[in-house]
Amino acid sequence: MKVVDLGLISYAEALALQVAAVEDVLAGGEERLFVLEHHPVITLGRHGGEAFLSRPAEELRAAGIDVEQASRGGNVTCHFPGQAVIYPVMRLSRRPGGLKGYFSDLEQAGIDALAMLGVPAGRYPGRPGVWTGPRKIASVGVGVRRWVSYHGLALNAGPDLSLFSLVTACGLPGVEMTSVARELEHLGRSPDEADVGRVKNALVQAFLSVTAR
């Protein structure tokens, strides 16, 4: 699998690259793992719409906040600089466990990456994503075209989570979002250890390891 670091990129640009990569993989091309950060954007999954926004999408856009309808599963979430994102474009038809197994692999990659960073994390029964205690630290949303994946996992690295104040994160009222920086601080460690480059590297390493099993 080819790892491609896209740096800081808009949601629309990254989506276009994913769609092109899906078509290439369907034609027999090499699988990709895109790793990146996004410019600030609120995305609405197939299971969540404007009911989970603090204000109508038109008002948010008028205030300079990008809102995009996404072709992934899941609900509303946010992307921003200081969040490590992976978008795997890979064939799922031959993987054991199918789509459910792949979703679990994404969660496990987040859990394993956080372990590398010294942050204990796991699953929350009945709620997707990656959690540290009652706080959500990573969101998972998957898209599939003819059994090739796109979209993926977003792991909060830095301390600024202010964009989440504009949404009901993941459509879960009262959910508290957290990040690697905030959790390290709770553990008495420097939040500087949550450098997004370090978090991205851990996430890539964990994902490649999980999917090689």
N, C-alpha and C. Protein backbone atom coordinates (compact mmCIF):
# COMPACT_ATOMS: atom_id res chain seq x y z
N MET A 1 0.85 -1.19 0.00
CA MET A 1 0.00 0.00 0.00
C MET A 1 0.88 1.24 0.00
N LYS A 2 0.59 2.16 -0.90
CA LYS A 2 1.36 3.39 -1.01
C LYS A 2 0.82 4.42 -0.02
N VAL A 3 1.71 4.98 0.80
CA VAL A 3 1.33 6.02 1.76
C VAL A 3 1.59 7.38 1.13
N VAL A 4 0.57 8.22 1.11
CA VAL A 4 0.67 9.55 0.49
C VAL A 4 0.28 10.60 1.51
N ASP A 5 1.23 11.43 1.92
CA ASP A 5 0.95 12.51 2.87
C ASP A 5 0.54 13.75 2.07
N LEU A 6 -0.70 14.14 2.24
CA LEU A 6 -1.25 15.28 1.49
C LEU A 6 -1.07 16.60 2.23
N GLY A 7 -0.51 16.57 3.45
CA GLY A 7 -0.33 17.80 4.21
C GLY A 7 -1.66 18.40 4.63
N LEU A 8 -1.75 19.72 4.57
CA LEU A 8 -2.99 20.43 4.90
C LEU A 8 -3.75 20.70 3.61
N ILE A 9 -4.97 20.18 3.52
CA ILE A 9 -5.70 20.18 2.26
C ILE A 9 -7.19 20.37 2.53
N SER A 10 -7.89 20.95 1.57
CA SER A 10 -9.34 21.13 1.74
C SER A 10 -10.05 19.79 1.63
N TYR A 11 -11.24 19.76 2.20
CA TYR A 11 -12.04 18.54 2.14
C TYR A 11 -12.37 18.18 0.69
N ALA A 12 -12.75 19.18 -0.11
CA ALA A 12 -13.13 18.92 -1.50
C ALA A 12 -11.96 18.37 -2.31
N GLU A 13 -10.78 18.93 -2.11
CA GLU A 13 -9.60 18.45 -2.84
C GLU A 13 -9.27 17.01 -2.45
N ALA A 14 -9.32 16.72 -1.17
CA ALA A 14 -9.01 15.37 -0.71
C ALA A 14 -10.04 14.37 -1.23
N LEU A 15 -11.30 14.77 -1.26
CA LEU A 15 -12.34 13.88 -1.78
C LEU A 15 -12.10 13.57 -3.25
N ALA A 16 -11.74 14.58 -4.02
CA ALA A 16 -11.48 14.36 -5.45
C ALA A 16 -10.33 13.39 -5.65
N LEU A 17 -9.28 13.50 -4.83
CA LEU A 17 -8.15 12.57 -4.92
C LEU A 17 -8.56 11.15 -4.54
N GLN A 18 -9.43 11.04 -3.54
CA GLN A 18 -9.92 9.71 -3.15
C GLN A 18 -10.75 9.07 -4.26
N VAL A 19 -11.64 9.84 -4.84
CA VAL A 19 -12.51 9.31 -5.90
C VAL A 19 -11.66 8.83 -7.08
N ALA A 20 -10.65 9.61 -7.44
CA ALA A 20 -9.76 9.22 -8.54
C ALA A 20 -8.99 7.96 -8.17
N ALA A 21 -8.55 7.87 -6.91
CA ALA A 21 -7.81 6.69 -6.47
C ALA A 21 -8.69 5.45 -6.44
N VAL A 22 -9.96 5.61 -6.06
CA VAL A 22 -10.89 4.48 -6.08
C VAL A 22 -11.00 3.92 -7.49
N GLU A 23 -11.16 4.80 -8.46
CA GLU A 23 -11.28 4.36 -9.85
C GLU A 23 -10.00 3.65 -10.30
N ASP A 24 -8.86 4.16 -9.89
CA ASP A 24 -7.59 3.53 -10.26
C ASP A 24 -7.45 2.15 -9.62
N VAL A 25 -7.81 2.03 -8.35
CA VAL A 25 -7.74 0.73 -7.67
C VAL A 25 -8.71 -0.25 -8.31
N LEU A 26 -9.91 0.20 -8.68
CA LEU A 26 -10.87 -0.67 -9.36
C LEU A 26 -10.32 -1.18 -10.69
N ALA A 27 -9.44 -0.37 -11.30
CA ALA A 27 -8.84 -0.76 -12.58
C ALA A 27 -7.57 -1.58 -12.39
N GLY A 28 -7.26 -1.94 -11.11
CA GLY A 28 -6.09 -2.76 -10.84
C GLY A 28 -4.90 -2.01 -10.29
N GLY A 29 -5.06 -0.72 -10.00
CA GLY A 29 -3.97 0.10 -9.49
C GLY A 29 -3.62 -0.19 -8.04
N GLU A 30 -2.56 0.46 -7.58
CA GLU A 30 -2.04 0.24 -6.23
C GLU A 30 -2.97 0.87 -5.19
N GLU A 31 -3.17 0.17 -4.07
CA GLU A 31 -3.95 0.72 -2.97
C GLU A 31 -3.19 1.89 -2.34
N ARG A 32 -3.94 2.84 -1.78
CA ARG A 32 -3.34 4.02 -1.17
C ARG A 32 -3.79 4.18 0.27
N LEU A 33 -2.93 4.84 1.03
CA LEU A 33 -3.31 5.34 2.35
C LEU A 33 -2.98 6.83 2.36
N PHE A 34 -4.01 7.66 2.24
CA PHE A 34 -3.82 9.11 2.32
C PHE A 34 -3.79 9.52 3.79
N VAL A 35 -2.82 10.35 4.15
CA VAL A 35 -2.74 10.88 5.51
C VAL A 35 -2.65 12.40 5.39
N LEU A 36 -3.37 13.12 6.24
CA LEU A 36 -3.53 14.56 6.01
C LEU A 36 -4.13 15.27 7.21
N GLU A 37 -4.18 16.59 7.08
CA GLU A 37 -5.01 17.46 7.92
C GLU A 37 -5.94 18.23 6.98
N HIS A 38 -7.08 18.64 7.50
CA HIS A 38 -8.02 19.42 6.71
C HIS A 38 -8.08 20.87 7.18
N HIS A 39 -8.36 21.76 6.23
CA HIS A 39 -8.80 23.09 6.62
C HIS A 39 -10.14 22.94 7.36
N PRO A 40 -10.51 23.89 8.23
CA PRO A 40 -11.74 23.71 9.03
C PRO A 40 -12.97 23.43 8.18
N VAL A 41 -13.68 22.38 8.54
CA VAL A 41 -14.89 21.99 7.80
C VAL A 41 -15.76 21.14 8.70
N ILE A 42 -17.07 21.31 8.58
CA ILE A 42 -18.05 20.43 9.21
C ILE A 42 -18.61 19.54 8.13
N THR A 43 -18.61 18.23 8.35
CA THR A 43 -19.15 17.31 7.35
C THR A 43 -20.34 16.55 7.91
N LEU A 44 -21.31 16.33 7.04
CA LEU A 44 -22.55 15.64 7.40
C LEU A 44 -22.55 14.28 6.72
N GLY A 45 -22.58 13.21 7.51
CA GLY A 45 -22.61 11.87 6.96
C GLY A 45 -24.01 11.49 6.49
N ARG A 46 -24.11 10.27 5.98
CA ARG A 46 -25.40 9.82 5.45
C ARG A 46 -26.45 9.70 6.54
N HIS A 47 -26.02 9.60 7.82
CA HIS A 47 -26.99 9.42 8.91
C HIS A 47 -27.15 10.68 9.75
N GLY A 48 -26.64 11.79 9.28
CA GLY A 48 -26.77 13.02 10.07
C GLY A 48 -26.85 14.23 9.19
N GLY A 49 -27.75 15.16 9.52
CA GLY A 49 -27.93 16.35 8.72
C GLY A 49 -27.92 17.60 9.56
N GLU A 50 -28.62 18.60 9.08
CA GLU A 50 -28.55 19.91 9.70
C GLU A 50 -29.17 19.95 11.09
N ALA A 51 -29.93 18.95 11.45
CA ALA A 51 -30.51 18.93 12.80
C ALA A 51 -29.43 18.91 13.87
N PHE A 52 -28.21 18.51 13.50
CA PHE A 52 -27.13 18.41 14.47
C PHE A 52 -26.17 19.60 14.41
N LEU A 53 -26.54 20.65 13.67
CA LEU A 53 -25.77 21.88 13.62
C LEU A 53 -26.35 22.90 14.60
N SER A 54 -25.49 23.75 15.15
CA SER A 54 -25.96 24.77 16.09
C SER A 54 -26.76 25.85 15.38
N ARG A 55 -26.46 26.05 14.09
CA ARG A 55 -27.17 27.03 13.25
C ARG A 55 -27.35 26.44 11.87
N PRO A 56 -28.29 26.93 11.06
CA PRO A 56 -28.44 26.40 9.70
C PRO A 56 -27.13 26.48 8.92
N ALA A 57 -26.94 25.53 8.02
CA ALA A 57 -25.70 25.47 7.25
C ALA A 57 -25.44 26.77 6.51
N GLU A 58 -26.50 27.41 5.98
CA GLU A 58 -26.32 28.66 5.23
C GLU A 58 -25.71 29.74 6.12
N GLU A 59 -26.14 29.81 7.39
CA GLU A 59 -25.61 30.81 8.31
C GLU A 59 -24.15 30.51 8.63
N LEU A 60 -23.83 29.24 8.81
CA LEU A 60 -22.45 28.88 9.11
C LEU A 60 -21.54 29.21 7.92
N ARG A 61 -22.01 28.90 6.72
CA ARG A 61 -21.21 29.22 5.52
C ARG A 61 -21.03 30.73 5.38
N ALA A 62 -22.08 31.49 5.68
CA ALA A 62 -21.99 32.95 5.60
C ALA A 62 -20.98 33.50 6.61
N ALA A 63 -20.79 32.76 7.70
CA ALA A 63 -19.81 33.15 8.72
C ALA A 63 -18.41 32.62 8.40
N GLY A 64 -18.26 32.00 7.23
CA GLY A 64 -16.95 31.52 6.81
C GLY A 64 -16.61 30.12 7.25
N ILE A 65 -17.61 29.36 7.71
CA ILE A 65 -17.37 27.99 8.16
C ILE A 65 -17.89 27.03 7.10
N ASP A 66 -17.02 26.25 6.53
CA ASP A 66 -17.39 25.33 5.45
C ASP A 66 -18.23 24.18 6.00
N VAL A 67 -19.32 23.86 5.31
CA VAL A 67 -20.18 22.72 5.66
C VAL A 67 -20.35 21.88 4.40
N GLU A 68 -20.04 20.59 4.49
CA GLU A 68 -20.08 19.71 3.33
C GLU A 68 -20.92 18.47 3.62
N GLN A 69 -21.71 18.06 2.63
CA GLN A 69 -22.40 16.77 2.69
C GLN A 69 -21.41 15.69 2.27
N ALA A 70 -21.24 14.68 3.09
CA ALA A 70 -20.25 13.63 2.81
C ALA A 70 -20.93 12.36 2.35
N SER A 71 -20.19 11.56 1.60
CA SER A 71 -20.72 10.29 1.09
C SER A 71 -20.31 9.12 1.98
N ARG A 72 -19.90 9.42 3.19
CA ARG A 72 -19.53 8.37 4.14
C ARG A 72 -20.72 8.02 5.02
N GLY A 73 -20.59 6.94 5.76
CA GLY A 73 -21.56 6.62 6.79
C GLY A 73 -21.33 7.51 8.00
N GLY A 74 -22.11 7.30 9.03
CA GLY A 74 -21.94 8.06 10.25
C GLY A 74 -22.72 9.35 10.24
N ASN A 75 -22.39 10.20 11.21
CA ASN A 75 -23.17 11.40 11.46
C ASN A 75 -22.32 12.64 11.22
N VAL A 76 -22.61 13.71 11.92
CA VAL A 76 -21.89 14.97 11.73
C VAL A 76 -20.56 14.94 12.49
N THR A 77 -19.52 15.46 11.88
CA THR A 77 -18.24 15.61 12.57
C THR A 77 -17.50 16.82 12.03
N CYS A 78 -16.34 17.09 12.60
CA CYS A 78 -15.54 18.26 12.23
C CYS A 78 -14.13 17.84 11.89
N HIS A 79 -13.53 18.56 10.94
CA HIS A 79 -12.11 18.39 10.61
C HIS A 79 -11.44 19.76 10.67
N PHE A 80 -10.15 19.78 11.03
CA PHE A 80 -9.46 21.04 11.25
C PHE A 80 -7.96 20.77 11.38
N PRO A 81 -7.13 21.81 11.21
CA PRO A 81 -5.70 21.62 11.46
C PRO A 81 -5.47 21.18 12.90
N GLY A 82 -4.55 20.24 13.08
CA GLY A 82 -4.35 19.68 14.41
C GLY A 82 -5.12 18.39 14.62
N GLN A 83 -5.70 17.88 13.57
CA GLN A 83 -6.39 16.58 13.59
C GLN A 83 -5.75 15.70 12.52
N ALA A 84 -5.32 14.51 12.91
CA ALA A 84 -4.69 13.58 11.97
C ALA A 84 -5.76 12.71 11.33
N VAL A 85 -5.78 12.68 10.00
CA VAL A 85 -6.82 11.96 9.24
C VAL A 85 -6.15 10.93 8.34
N ILE A 86 -6.72 9.73 8.30
CA ILE A 86 -6.30 8.74 7.30
C ILE A 86 -7.49 8.35 6.45
N TYR A 87 -7.25 8.27 5.14
CA TYR A 87 -8.25 7.84 4.17
C TYR A 87 -7.66 6.65 3.40
N PRO A 88 -7.94 5.42 3.81
CA PRO A 88 -7.45 4.26 3.05
C PRO A 88 -8.32 4.01 1.82
N VAL A 89 -7.67 3.80 0.70
CA VAL A 89 -8.37 3.39 -0.53
C VAL A 89 -7.86 1.99 -0.83
N MET A 90 -8.68 0.99 -0.46
CA MET A 90 -8.22 -0.39 -0.53
C MET A 90 -9.37 -1.33 -0.85
N ARG A 91 -9.02 -2.49 -1.37
CA ARG A 91 -10.02 -3.49 -1.74
C ARG A 91 -10.50 -4.22 -0.48
N LEU A 92 -11.81 -4.28 -0.31
CA LEU A 92 -12.38 -4.96 0.86
C LEU A 92 -12.95 -6.32 0.51
N SER A 93 -13.11 -6.63 -0.76
CA SER A 93 -13.80 -7.86 -1.16
C SER A 93 -13.08 -9.11 -0.68
N ARG A 94 -11.76 -9.03 -0.54
CA ARG A 94 -10.99 -10.22 -0.13
C ARG A 94 -10.62 -10.21 1.34
N ARG A 95 -11.01 -9.16 2.07
CA ARG A 95 -10.64 -9.07 3.48
C ARG A 95 -11.62 -9.85 4.34
N PRO A 96 -11.13 -10.61 5.32
CA PRO A 96 -12.03 -11.32 6.22
C PRO A 96 -12.85 -10.33 7.05
N GLY A 97 -14.10 -10.66 7.25
CA GLY A 97 -14.95 -9.80 8.07
C GLY A 97 -15.70 -8.74 7.30
N GLY A 98 -15.38 -8.57 6.02
CA GLY A 98 -16.11 -7.61 5.21
C GLY A 98 -16.05 -6.20 5.74
N LEU A 99 -17.11 -5.45 5.51
CA LEU A 99 -17.15 -4.05 5.89
C LEU A 99 -17.11 -3.88 7.41
N LYS A 100 -17.81 -4.75 8.13
CA LYS A 100 -17.81 -4.65 9.60
C LYS A 100 -16.40 -4.88 10.14
N GLY A 101 -15.70 -5.86 9.58
CA GLY A 101 -14.34 -6.12 10.02
C GLY A 101 -13.41 -4.97 9.71
N TYR A 102 -13.60 -4.34 8.55
CA TYR A 102 -12.78 -3.20 8.17
C TYR A 102 -13.02 -2.03 9.11
N PHE A 103 -14.27 -1.77 9.45
CA PHE A 103 -14.60 -0.70 10.39
C PHE A 103 -13.90 -0.95 11.73
N SER A 104 -13.93 -2.20 12.18
CA SER A 104 -13.25 -2.56 13.42
C SER A 104 -11.74 -2.36 13.31
N ASP A 105 -11.18 -2.65 12.14
CA ASP A 105 -9.74 -2.43 11.92
C ASP A 105 -9.38 -0.96 12.05
N LEU A 106 -10.22 -0.08 11.52
CA LEU A 106 -9.97 1.35 11.64
C LEU A 106 -9.98 1.77 13.11
N GLU A 107 -10.97 1.31 13.85
CA GLU A 107 -11.00 1.62 15.28
C GLU A 107 -9.75 1.09 15.98
N GLN A 108 -9.36 -0.14 15.64
CA GLN A 108 -8.19 -0.73 16.29
C GLN A 108 -6.92 0.04 15.95
N ALA A 109 -6.83 0.54 14.73
CA ALA A 109 -5.67 1.35 14.36
C ALA A 109 -5.59 2.60 15.23
N GLY A 110 -6.73 3.23 15.49
CA GLY A 110 -6.75 4.39 16.37
C GLY A 110 -6.34 4.03 17.78
N ILE A 111 -6.85 2.91 18.29
CA ILE A 111 -6.51 2.46 19.64
C ILE A 111 -5.02 2.16 19.75
N ASP A 112 -4.47 1.47 18.75
CA ASP A 112 -3.05 1.11 18.77
C ASP A 112 -2.16 2.34 18.64
N ALA A 113 -2.56 3.29 17.78
CA ALA A 113 -1.77 4.52 17.64
C ALA A 113 -1.74 5.29 18.96
N LEU A 114 -2.87 5.37 19.62
CA LEU A 114 -2.91 6.06 20.90
C LEU A 114 -2.06 5.36 21.95
N ALA A 115 -2.03 4.03 21.92
CA ALA A 115 -1.16 3.30 22.84
C ALA A 115 0.30 3.67 22.61
N MET A 116 0.69 3.81 21.34
CA MET A 116 2.06 4.23 21.03
C MET A 116 2.36 5.61 21.60
N LEU A 117 1.34 6.45 21.67
CA LEU A 117 1.50 7.82 22.15
C LEU A 117 1.30 7.94 23.65
N GLY A 118 1.01 6.82 24.30
CA GLY A 118 0.85 6.82 25.75
C GLY A 118 -0.51 7.22 26.25
N VAL A 119 -1.54 7.11 25.38
CA VAL A 119 -2.90 7.47 25.76
C VAL A 119 -3.76 6.21 25.75
N PRO A 120 -4.29 5.79 26.90
CA PRO A 120 -5.15 4.60 26.91
C PRO A 120 -6.48 4.89 26.23
N ALA A 121 -6.92 3.97 25.38
CA ALA A 121 -8.17 4.18 24.63
C ALA A 121 -8.79 2.83 24.31
N GLY A 122 -10.05 2.88 23.89
CA GLY A 122 -10.74 1.64 23.53
C GLY A 122 -12.04 1.96 22.84
N ARG A 123 -12.93 0.99 22.84
CA ARG A 123 -14.25 1.16 22.23
C ARG A 123 -15.29 1.45 23.32
N TYR A 124 -16.37 2.05 22.89
CA TYR A 124 -17.50 2.35 23.78
C TYR A 124 -18.67 1.54 23.25
N PRO A 125 -19.17 0.55 24.00
CA PRO A 125 -20.22 -0.32 23.47
C PRO A 125 -21.41 0.46 22.92
N GLY A 126 -21.77 0.16 21.68
CA GLY A 126 -22.91 0.78 21.04
C GLY A 126 -22.64 2.12 20.40
N ARG A 127 -21.39 2.59 20.53
CA ARG A 127 -21.04 3.88 19.94
C ARG A 127 -19.77 3.72 19.12
N PRO A 128 -19.79 4.07 17.84
CA PRO A 128 -18.62 3.88 16.99
C PRO A 128 -17.51 4.87 17.33
N GLY A 129 -16.32 4.58 16.82
CA GLY A 129 -15.18 5.46 17.03
C GLY A 129 -14.25 4.96 18.11
N VAL A 130 -13.35 5.84 18.54
CA VAL A 130 -12.36 5.51 19.56
C VAL A 130 -12.57 6.44 20.75
N TRP A 131 -12.52 5.86 21.94
CA TRP A 131 -12.85 6.58 23.16
C TRP A 131 -11.75 6.41 24.19
N THR A 132 -11.58 7.43 25.02
CA THR A 132 -10.74 7.31 26.20
C THR A 132 -11.64 7.62 27.39
N GLY A 133 -12.03 6.58 28.10
CA GLY A 133 -13.08 6.73 29.11
C GLY A 133 -14.37 7.13 28.43
N PRO A 134 -15.07 8.15 28.97
CA PRO A 134 -16.33 8.59 28.35
C PRO A 134 -16.13 9.63 27.26
N ARG A 135 -14.89 9.96 26.95
CA ARG A 135 -14.61 11.03 25.99
C ARG A 135 -14.22 10.44 24.63
N LYS A 136 -14.73 11.05 23.57
CA LYS A 136 -14.44 10.56 22.22
C LYS A 136 -13.23 11.29 21.65
N ILE A 137 -12.28 10.51 21.13
CA ILE A 137 -11.03 11.08 20.64
C ILE A 137 -10.84 10.88 19.14
N ALA A 138 -11.55 9.94 18.55
CA ALA A 138 -11.42 9.70 17.10
C ALA A 138 -12.76 9.26 16.54
N SER A 139 -13.04 9.73 15.32
CA SER A 139 -14.28 9.39 14.64
C SER A 139 -13.98 8.55 13.40
N VAL A 140 -14.89 7.63 13.10
CA VAL A 140 -14.74 6.75 11.95
C VAL A 140 -15.96 6.90 11.05
N GLY A 141 -15.71 7.07 9.76
CA GLY A 141 -16.79 7.12 8.77
C GLY A 141 -16.29 6.51 7.48
N VAL A 142 -16.99 5.54 6.97
CA VAL A 142 -16.50 4.76 5.83
C VAL A 142 -17.41 4.96 4.62
N GLY A 143 -16.79 5.08 3.45
CA GLY A 143 -17.49 5.05 2.18
C GLY A 143 -16.96 3.87 1.37
N VAL A 144 -17.80 3.27 0.55
CA VAL A 144 -17.38 2.11 -0.26
C VAL A 144 -17.98 2.24 -1.65
N ARG A 145 -17.16 2.04 -2.67
CA ARG A 145 -17.62 1.95 -4.06
C ARG A 145 -17.14 0.64 -4.64
N ARG A 146 -18.09 -0.22 -4.97
CA ARG A 146 -17.77 -1.53 -5.56
C ARG A 146 -16.67 -2.24 -4.76
N TRP A 147 -16.85 -2.20 -3.43
CA TRP A 147 -15.96 -2.89 -2.49
C TRP A 147 -14.54 -2.32 -2.46
N VAL A 148 -14.40 -1.04 -2.80
CA VAL A 148 -13.16 -0.30 -2.55
C VAL A 148 -13.49 0.82 -1.57
N SER A 149 -12.70 0.93 -0.52
CA SER A 149 -12.98 1.88 0.55
C SER A 149 -12.48 3.28 0.23
N TYR A 150 -13.12 4.25 0.85
CA TYR A 150 -12.59 5.61 0.94
C TYR A 150 -13.16 6.24 2.21
N HIS A 151 -12.84 7.52 2.47
CA HIS A 151 -13.06 8.13 3.79
C HIS A 151 -12.24 7.32 4.82
N GLY A 152 -12.53 7.45 6.12
CA GLY A 152 -11.69 6.71 7.07
C GLY A 152 -11.82 7.17 8.50
N LEU A 153 -10.69 7.60 9.10
CA LEU A 153 -10.63 7.89 10.53
C LEU A 153 -9.97 9.23 10.77
N ALA A 154 -10.51 9.98 11.74
CA ALA A 154 -9.96 11.28 12.12
C ALA A 154 -9.65 11.25 13.61
N LEU A 155 -8.39 11.46 13.97
CA LEU A 155 -7.92 11.40 15.35
C LEU A 155 -7.51 12.81 15.80
N ASN A 156 -8.15 13.30 16.84
CA ASN A 156 -7.86 14.64 17.34
C ASN A 156 -6.50 14.65 18.03
N ALA A 157 -5.60 15.51 17.54
CA ALA A 157 -4.25 15.57 18.10
C ALA A 157 -4.07 16.79 19.01
N GLY A 158 -4.29 17.99 18.48
CA GLY A 158 -4.02 19.22 19.22
C GLY A 158 -5.11 19.59 20.21
N PRO A 159 -4.87 20.65 20.98
CA PRO A 159 -5.81 21.00 22.05
C PRO A 159 -7.04 21.77 21.60
N ASP A 160 -7.01 22.39 20.41
CA ASP A 160 -8.12 23.25 19.98
C ASP A 160 -9.22 22.41 19.33
N LEU A 161 -10.31 22.25 20.07
CA LEU A 161 -11.46 21.49 19.58
C LEU A 161 -12.69 22.39 19.43
N SER A 162 -12.46 23.69 19.27
CA SER A 162 -13.55 24.65 19.31
C SER A 162 -14.58 24.44 18.21
N LEU A 163 -14.19 23.89 17.07
CA LEU A 163 -15.15 23.69 15.98
C LEU A 163 -16.29 22.76 16.40
N PHE A 164 -16.00 21.82 17.31
CA PHE A 164 -17.04 20.89 17.76
C PHE A 164 -18.16 21.60 18.53
N SER A 165 -17.91 22.83 19.00
CA SER A 165 -18.96 23.55 19.73
C SER A 165 -20.12 23.94 18.82
N LEU A 166 -19.92 23.83 17.51
CA LEU A 166 -20.96 24.21 16.54
C LEU A 166 -21.84 23.04 16.12
N VAL A 167 -21.56 21.85 16.64
CA VAL A 167 -22.31 20.66 16.24
C VAL A 167 -22.65 19.81 17.45
N THR A 168 -23.61 18.91 17.26
CA THR A 168 -23.80 17.81 18.20
C THR A 168 -22.94 16.67 17.67
N ALA A 169 -21.73 16.56 18.19
CA ALA A 169 -20.72 15.67 17.60
C ALA A 169 -21.25 14.25 17.49
N CYS A 170 -21.17 13.73 16.27
CA CYS A 170 -21.59 12.36 15.97
C CYS A 170 -23.06 12.11 16.26
N GLY A 171 -23.83 13.21 16.40
CA GLY A 171 -25.25 13.07 16.71
C GLY A 171 -25.52 12.54 18.10
N LEU A 172 -24.54 12.70 19.02
CA LEU A 172 -24.66 12.18 20.38
C LEU A 172 -24.74 13.33 21.36
N PRO A 173 -25.93 13.72 21.81
CA PRO A 173 -26.06 14.84 22.74
C PRO A 173 -25.21 14.62 24.01
N GLY A 174 -24.47 15.65 24.37
CA GLY A 174 -23.69 15.58 25.61
C GLY A 174 -22.34 14.92 25.48
N VAL A 175 -21.99 14.41 24.30
CA VAL A 175 -20.70 13.75 24.16
C VAL A 175 -19.59 14.77 24.32
N GLU A 176 -18.54 14.39 25.04
CA GLU A 176 -17.37 15.26 25.22
C GLU A 176 -16.26 14.80 24.29
N MET A 177 -15.80 15.72 23.44
CA MET A 177 -14.68 15.41 22.57
C MET A 177 -13.37 15.71 23.29
N THR A 178 -12.34 14.94 22.98
CA THR A 178 -11.03 15.16 23.57
C THR A 178 -9.97 14.98 22.50
N SER A 179 -8.72 15.11 22.89
CA SER A 179 -7.62 15.02 21.94
C SER A 179 -6.40 14.43 22.63
N VAL A 180 -5.40 14.07 21.83
CA VAL A 180 -4.15 13.54 22.40
C VAL A 180 -3.54 14.57 23.33
N ALA A 181 -3.49 15.84 22.92
CA ALA A 181 -2.89 16.88 23.76
C ALA A 181 -3.61 16.99 25.10
N ARG A 182 -4.93 16.98 25.08
CA ARG A 182 -5.69 17.12 26.33
C ARG A 182 -5.51 15.90 27.23
N GLU A 183 -5.48 14.72 26.64
CA GLU A 183 -5.32 13.52 27.45
C GLU A 183 -3.91 13.43 28.04
N LEU A 184 -2.90 13.83 27.28
CA LEU A 184 -1.54 13.84 27.81
C LEU A 184 -1.43 14.81 28.98
N GLU A 185 -2.11 15.95 28.85
CA GLU A 185 -2.09 16.92 29.94
C GLU A 185 -2.74 16.34 31.19
N HIS A 186 -3.86 15.61 31.01
CA HIS A 186 -4.51 14.95 32.15
C HIS A 186 -3.56 13.96 32.83
N LEU A 187 -2.68 13.36 32.03
CA LEU A 187 -1.74 12.37 32.55
C LEU A 187 -0.46 13.00 33.10
N GLY A 188 -0.41 14.34 33.12
CA GLY A 188 0.75 15.03 33.66
C GLY A 188 1.91 15.14 32.69
N ARG A 189 1.64 14.94 31.42
CA ARG A 189 2.68 15.03 30.41
C ARG A 189 2.49 16.27 29.55
N SER A 190 3.51 16.63 28.81
CA SER A 190 3.44 17.84 28.00
C SER A 190 2.54 17.64 26.80
N PRO A 191 1.60 18.57 26.56
CA PRO A 191 0.77 18.47 25.35
C PRO A 191 1.58 18.64 24.07
N ASP A 192 2.81 19.15 24.21
CA ASP A 192 3.67 19.28 23.03
C ASP A 192 3.99 17.93 22.40
N GLU A 193 3.82 16.84 23.18
CA GLU A 193 4.05 15.50 22.65
C GLU A 193 2.98 15.10 21.64
N ALA A 194 1.93 15.91 21.54
CA ALA A 194 0.84 15.62 20.60
C ALA A 194 1.06 16.29 19.27
N ASP A 195 2.30 16.58 18.92
CA ASP A 195 2.61 17.13 17.60
C ASP A 195 1.90 16.31 16.52
N VAL A 196 1.20 17.01 15.62
CA VAL A 196 0.35 16.30 14.66
C VAL A 196 1.17 15.40 13.75
N GLY A 197 2.40 15.77 13.44
CA GLY A 197 3.24 14.90 12.62
C GLY A 197 3.52 13.58 13.31
N ARG A 198 3.78 13.64 14.61
CA ARG A 198 4.00 12.42 15.40
C ARG A 198 2.74 11.56 15.45
N VAL A 199 1.59 12.20 15.62
CA VAL A 199 0.32 11.47 15.67
C VAL A 199 0.03 10.82 14.32
N LYS A 200 0.27 11.54 13.24
CA LYS A 200 0.06 10.97 11.90
C LYS A 200 0.94 9.74 11.69
N ASN A 201 2.21 9.83 12.08
CA ASN A 201 3.12 8.70 11.91
C ASN A 201 2.66 7.48 12.69
N ALA A 202 2.20 7.71 13.93
CA ALA A 202 1.71 6.60 14.74
C ALA A 202 0.47 5.97 14.12
N LEU A 203 -0.40 6.80 13.58
CA LEU A 203 -1.64 6.30 12.98
C LEU A 203 -1.35 5.48 11.73
N VAL A 204 -0.44 5.95 10.89
CA VAL A 204 -0.07 5.20 9.69
C VAL A 204 0.55 3.86 10.08
N GLN A 205 1.48 3.88 11.02
CA GLN A 205 2.13 2.65 11.46
C GLN A 205 1.12 1.66 12.01
N ALA A 206 0.19 2.16 12.82
CA ALA A 206 -0.81 1.28 13.42
C ALA A 206 -1.74 0.70 12.37
N PHE A 207 -2.17 1.52 11.42
CA PHE A 207 -3.09 1.03 10.39
C PHE A 207 -2.43 -0.03 9.53
N LEU A 208 -1.21 0.21 9.09
CA LEU A 208 -0.51 -0.78 8.26
C LEU A 208 -0.30 -2.08 9.01
N SER A 209 -0.03 -1.99 10.31
CA SER A 209 0.16 -3.19 11.12
C SER A 209 -1.14 -3.96 11.28
N VAL A 210 -2.23 -3.25 11.58
CA VAL A 210 -3.53 -3.91 11.77
C VAL A 210 -4.00 -4.60 10.51
N THR A 211 -3.85 -3.94 9.37
CA THR A 211 -4.37 -4.51 8.13
C THR A 211 -3.45 -5.58 7.54
N ALA A 212 -2.24 -5.72 8.09
CA ALA A 212 -1.34 -6.78 7.64
C ALA A 212 -1.56 -8.08 8.39
N ARG A 213 -2.37 -8.05 9.43
CA ARG A 213 -2.58 -9.25 10.25
C ARG A 213 -3.40 -10.30 9.51
